[in-house]
């Protein structure tokens, strides 16, 4: 499965946590109705 990822590696929990932290922060106050893909470039 790793070979099908653009980044050629699995993500780490801290990388996903950064995306979640951003969405929960005031910095994302203007973000509405968006999809944030955090999948390493995997396209099923």
PDB file of N, CA and C in Angstrom:
ATOM      1  N   UNK A   1       0.820  -1.192   0.000  1.00  0.00           N
ATOM      2  CA  UNK A   1       0.000   0.000   0.000  1.00  0.00           C
ATOM      3  C   UNK A   1       0.867   1.260   0.000  1.00  0.00           C
ATOM      4  N   UNK A   2       1.989   1.241   0.675  1.00  0.00           N
ATOM      5  CA  UNK A   2       2.848   2.420   0.745  1.00  0.00           C
ATOM      6  C   UNK A   2       3.291   2.853  -0.646  1.00  0.00           C
ATOM      7  N   UNK A   3       3.523   1.920  -1.532  1.00  0.00           N
ATOM      8  CA  UNK A   3       3.976   2.270  -2.884  1.00  0.00           C
ATOM      9  C   UNK A   3       2.922   3.046  -3.667  1.00  0.00           C
ATOM     10  N   UNK A   4       1.660   2.973  -3.253  1.00  0.00           N
ATOM     11  CA  UNK A   4       0.603   3.712  -3.947  1.00  0.00           C
ATOM     12  C   UNK A   4       0.446   5.136  -3.421  1.00  0.00           C
ATOM     13  N   UNK A   5       1.199   5.501  -2.389  1.00  0.00           N
ATOM     14  CA  UNK A   5       1.128   6.847  -1.823  1.00  0.00           C
ATOM     15  C   UNK A   5       2.132   7.763  -2.513  1.00  0.00           C
ATOM     16  N   UNK A   6       1.726   8.976  -2.807  1.00  0.00           N
ATOM     17  CA  UNK A   6       2.625   9.941  -3.442  1.00  0.00           C
ATOM     18  C   UNK A   6       3.850  10.215  -2.584  1.00  0.00           C
ATOM     19  N   UNK A   7       3.668  10.236  -1.272  1.00  0.00           N
ATOM     20  CA  UNK A   7       4.779  10.533  -0.368  1.00  0.00           C
ATOM     21  C   UNK A   7       5.634   9.311  -0.055  1.00  0.00           C
ATOM     22  N   UNK A   8       5.202   8.131  -0.500  1.00  0.00           N
ATOM     23  CA  UNK A   8       5.935   6.883  -0.309  1.00  0.00           C
ATOM     24  C   UNK A   8       6.183   6.527   1.155  1.00  0.00           C
ATOM     25  N   UNK A   9       5.278   6.940   2.032  1.00  0.00           N
ATOM     26  CA  UNK A   9       5.371   6.587   3.449  1.00  0.00           C
ATOM     27  C   UNK A   9       4.010   6.754   4.092  1.00  0.00           C
ATOM     28  N   UNK A  10       3.819   6.070   5.201  1.00  0.00           N
ATOM     29  CA  UNK A  10       2.588   6.215   5.972  1.00  0.00           C
ATOM     30  C   UNK A  10       2.672   7.503   6.785  1.00  0.00           C
ATOM     31  N   UNK A  11       1.539   8.073   7.057  1.00  0.00           N
ATOM     32  CA  UNK A  11       1.499   9.262   7.893  1.00  0.00           C
ATOM     33  C   UNK A  11       1.687   8.917   9.354  1.00  0.00           C
ATOM     34  N   UNK A  12       2.085   9.904  10.111  1.00  0.00           N
ATOM     35  CA  UNK A  12       2.270   9.738  11.552  1.00  0.00           C
ATOM     36  C   UNK A  12       1.116  10.421  12.278  1.00  0.00           C
ATOM     37  N   UNK A  13       0.723   9.890  13.426  1.00  0.00           N
ATOM     38  CA  UNK A  13      -0.386  10.493  14.172  1.00  0.00           C
ATOM     39  C   UNK A  13      -0.196  11.985  14.443  1.00  0.00           C
ATOM     40  N   UNK A  14       1.041  12.410  14.677  1.00  0.00           N
ATOM     41  CA  UNK A  14       1.266  13.832  14.949  1.00  0.00           C
ATOM     42  C   UNK A  14       0.983  14.691  13.721  1.00  0.00           C
ATOM     43  N   UNK A  15       1.147  14.142  12.517  1.00  0.00           N
ATOM     44  CA  UNK A  15       0.838  14.897  11.300  1.00  0.00           C
ATOM     45  C   UNK A  15      -0.670  15.104  11.160  1.00  0.00           C
ATOM     46  N   UNK A  16      -1.441  14.089  11.482  1.00  0.00           N
ATOM     47  CA  UNK A  16      -2.896  14.217  11.443  1.00  0.00           C
ATOM     48  C   UNK A  16      -3.358  15.154  12.555  1.00  0.00           C
ATOM     49  N   UNK A  17      -2.720  15.054  13.716  1.00  0.00           N
ATOM     50  CA  UNK A  17      -3.070  15.923  14.842  1.00  0.00           C
ATOM     51  C   UNK A  17      -2.853  17.391  14.495  1.00  0.00           C
ATOM     52  N   UNK A  18      -1.835  17.694  13.713  1.00  0.00           N
ATOM     53  CA  UNK A  18      -1.602  19.086  13.307  1.00  0.00           C
ATOM     54  C   UNK A  18      -2.754  19.615  12.456  1.00  0.00           C
ATOM     55  N   UNK A  19      -3.273  18.786  11.566  1.00  0.00           N
ATOM     56  CA  UNK A  19      -4.411  19.199  10.739  1.00  0.00           C
ATOM     57  C   UNK A  19      -5.642  19.438  11.608  1.00  0.00           C
ATOM     58  N   UNK A  20      -5.874  18.546  12.570  1.00  0.00           N
ATOM     59  CA  UNK A  20      -7.018  18.698  13.477  1.00  0.00           C
ATOM     60  C   UNK A  20      -6.853  19.936  14.344  1.00  0.00           C
ATOM     61  N   UNK A  21      -5.636  20.146  14.843  1.00  0.00           N
ATOM     62  CA  UNK A  21      -5.361  21.318  15.679  1.00  0.00           C
ATOM     63  C   UNK A  21      -5.626  22.604  14.907  1.00  0.00           C
ATOM     64  N   UNK A  22      -5.218  22.634  13.644  1.00  0.00           N
ATOM     65  CA  UNK A  22      -5.482  23.816  12.827  1.00  0.00           C
ATOM     66  C   UNK A  22      -6.980  24.066  12.693  1.00  0.00           C
ATOM     67  N   UNK A  23      -7.735  23.027  12.357  1.00  0.00           N
ATOM     68  CA  UNK A  23      -9.173  23.198  12.159  1.00  0.00           C
ATOM     69  C   UNK A  23      -9.888  23.622  13.434  1.00  0.00           C
ATOM     70  N   UNK A  24      -9.358  23.250  14.587  1.00  0.00           N
ATOM     71  CA  UNK A  24      -9.971  23.604  15.866  1.00  0.00           C
ATOM     72  C   UNK A  24      -9.470  24.942  16.405  1.00  0.00           C
ATOM     73  N   UNK A  25      -8.555  25.568  15.705  1.00  0.00           N
ATOM     74  CA  UNK A  25      -7.944  26.801  16.200  1.00  0.00           C
ATOM     75  C   UNK A  25      -8.610  28.045  15.615  1.00  0.00           C
ATOM     76  N   UNK A  26      -8.361  29.191  16.222  1.00  0.00           N
ATOM     77  CA  UNK A  26      -8.867  30.450  15.672  1.00  0.00           C
ATOM     78  C   UNK A  26      -8.319  30.740  14.270  1.00  0.00           C
ATOM     79  N   UNK A  27      -7.186  30.173  13.926  1.00  0.00           N
ATOM     80  CA  UNK A  27      -6.606  30.394  12.597  1.00  0.00           C
ATOM     81  C   UNK A  27      -7.509  29.868  11.487  1.00  0.00           C
ATOM     82  N   UNK A  28      -8.398  28.949  11.816  1.00  0.00           N
ATOM     83  CA  UNK A  28      -9.308  28.377  10.826  1.00  0.00           C
ATOM     84  C   UNK A  28     -10.702  28.997  10.904  1.00  0.00           C
ATOM     85  N   UNK A  29     -10.811  30.143  11.528  1.00  0.00           N
ATOM     86  CA  UNK A  29     -12.134  30.750  11.727  1.00  0.00           C
ATOM     87  C   UNK A  29     -12.829  31.124  10.415  1.00  0.00           C
ATOM     88  N   UNK A  30     -12.081  31.291   9.347  1.00  0.00           N
ATOM     89  CA  UNK A  30     -12.674  31.655   8.062  1.00  0.00           C
ATOM     90  C   UNK A  30     -12.866  30.436   7.160  1.00  0.00           C
ATOM     91  N   UNK A  31     -12.521  29.253   7.638  1.00  0.00           N
ATOM     92  CA  UNK A  31     -12.672  28.014   6.872  1.00  0.00           C
ATOM     93  C   UNK A  31     -14.077  27.478   7.101  1.00  0.00           C
ATOM     94  N   UNK A  32     -14.845  27.356   6.017  1.00  0.00           N
ATOM     95  CA  UNK A  32     -16.197  26.806   6.111  1.00  0.00           C
ATOM     96  C   UNK A  32     -16.432  25.850   4.956  1.00  0.00           C
ATOM     97  N   UNK A  33     -17.079  24.754   5.230  1.00  0.00           N
ATOM     98  CA  UNK A  33     -17.475  23.818   4.186  1.00  0.00           C
ATOM     99  C   UNK A  33     -16.337  23.270   3.359  1.00  0.00           C
ATOM    100  N   UNK A  34     -15.188  23.053   3.965  1.00  0.00           N
ATOM    101  CA  UNK A  34     -14.032  22.546   3.228  1.00  0.00           C
ATOM    102  C   UNK A  34     -13.731  21.110   3.629  1.00  0.00           C
ATOM    103  N   UNK A  35     -13.135  20.383   2.707  1.00  0.00           N
ATOM    104  CA  UNK A  35     -12.654  19.034   2.989  1.00  0.00           C
ATOM    105  C   UNK A  35     -11.135  19.109   3.023  1.00  0.00           C
ATOM    106  N   UNK A  36     -10.571  18.718   4.137  1.00  0.00           N
ATOM    107  CA  UNK A  36      -9.118  18.714   4.277  1.00  0.00           C
ATOM    108  C   UNK A  36      -8.641  17.272   4.145  1.00  0.00           C
ATOM    109  N   UNK A  37      -8.071  16.952   2.993  1.00  0.00           N
ATOM    110  CA  UNK A  37      -7.573  15.594   2.757  1.00  0.00           C
ATOM    111  C   UNK A  37      -6.193  15.452   3.379  1.00  0.00           C
ATOM    112  N   UNK A  38      -6.067  14.509   4.280  1.00  0.00           N
ATOM    113  CA  UNK A  38      -4.769  14.207   4.902  1.00  0.00           C
ATOM    114  C   UNK A  38      -4.520  12.720   4.699  1.00  0.00           C
ATOM    115  N   UNK A  39      -4.166  12.363   3.463  1.00  0.00           N
ATOM    116  CA  UNK A  39      -4.044  10.949   3.122  1.00  0.00           C
ATOM    117  C   UNK A  39      -2.754  10.611   2.383  1.00  0.00           C
ATOM    118  N   UNK A  40      -1.803  11.502   2.393  1.00  0.00           N
ATOM    119  CA  UNK A  40      -0.513  11.194   1.772  1.00  0.00           C
ATOM    120  C   UNK A  40      -0.540  11.072   0.262  1.00  0.00           C
ATOM    121  N   UNK A  41      -1.586  11.555  -0.364  1.00  0.00           N
ATOM    122  CA  UNK A  41      -1.681  11.486  -1.814  1.00  0.00           C
ATOM    123  C   UNK A  41      -2.334  10.226  -2.338  1.00  0.00           C
ATOM    124  N   UNK A  42      -2.931   9.416  -1.454  1.00  0.00           N
ATOM    125  CA  UNK A  42      -3.592   8.175  -1.870  1.00  0.00           C
ATOM    126  C   UNK A  42      -4.916   8.498  -2.538  1.00  0.00           C
ATOM    127  N   UNK A  43      -5.116   7.969  -3.711  1.00  0.00           N
ATOM    128  CA  UNK A  43      -6.374   8.144  -4.440  1.00  0.00           C
ATOM    129  C   UNK A  43      -6.939   6.775  -4.766  1.00  0.00           C
ATOM    130  N   UNK A  44      -8.011   6.409  -4.086  1.00  0.00           N
ATOM    131  CA  UNK A  44      -8.619   5.089  -4.293  1.00  0.00           C
ATOM    132  C   UNK A  44      -9.412   5.066  -5.576  1.00  0.00           C
TER     133      UNK A  44
END
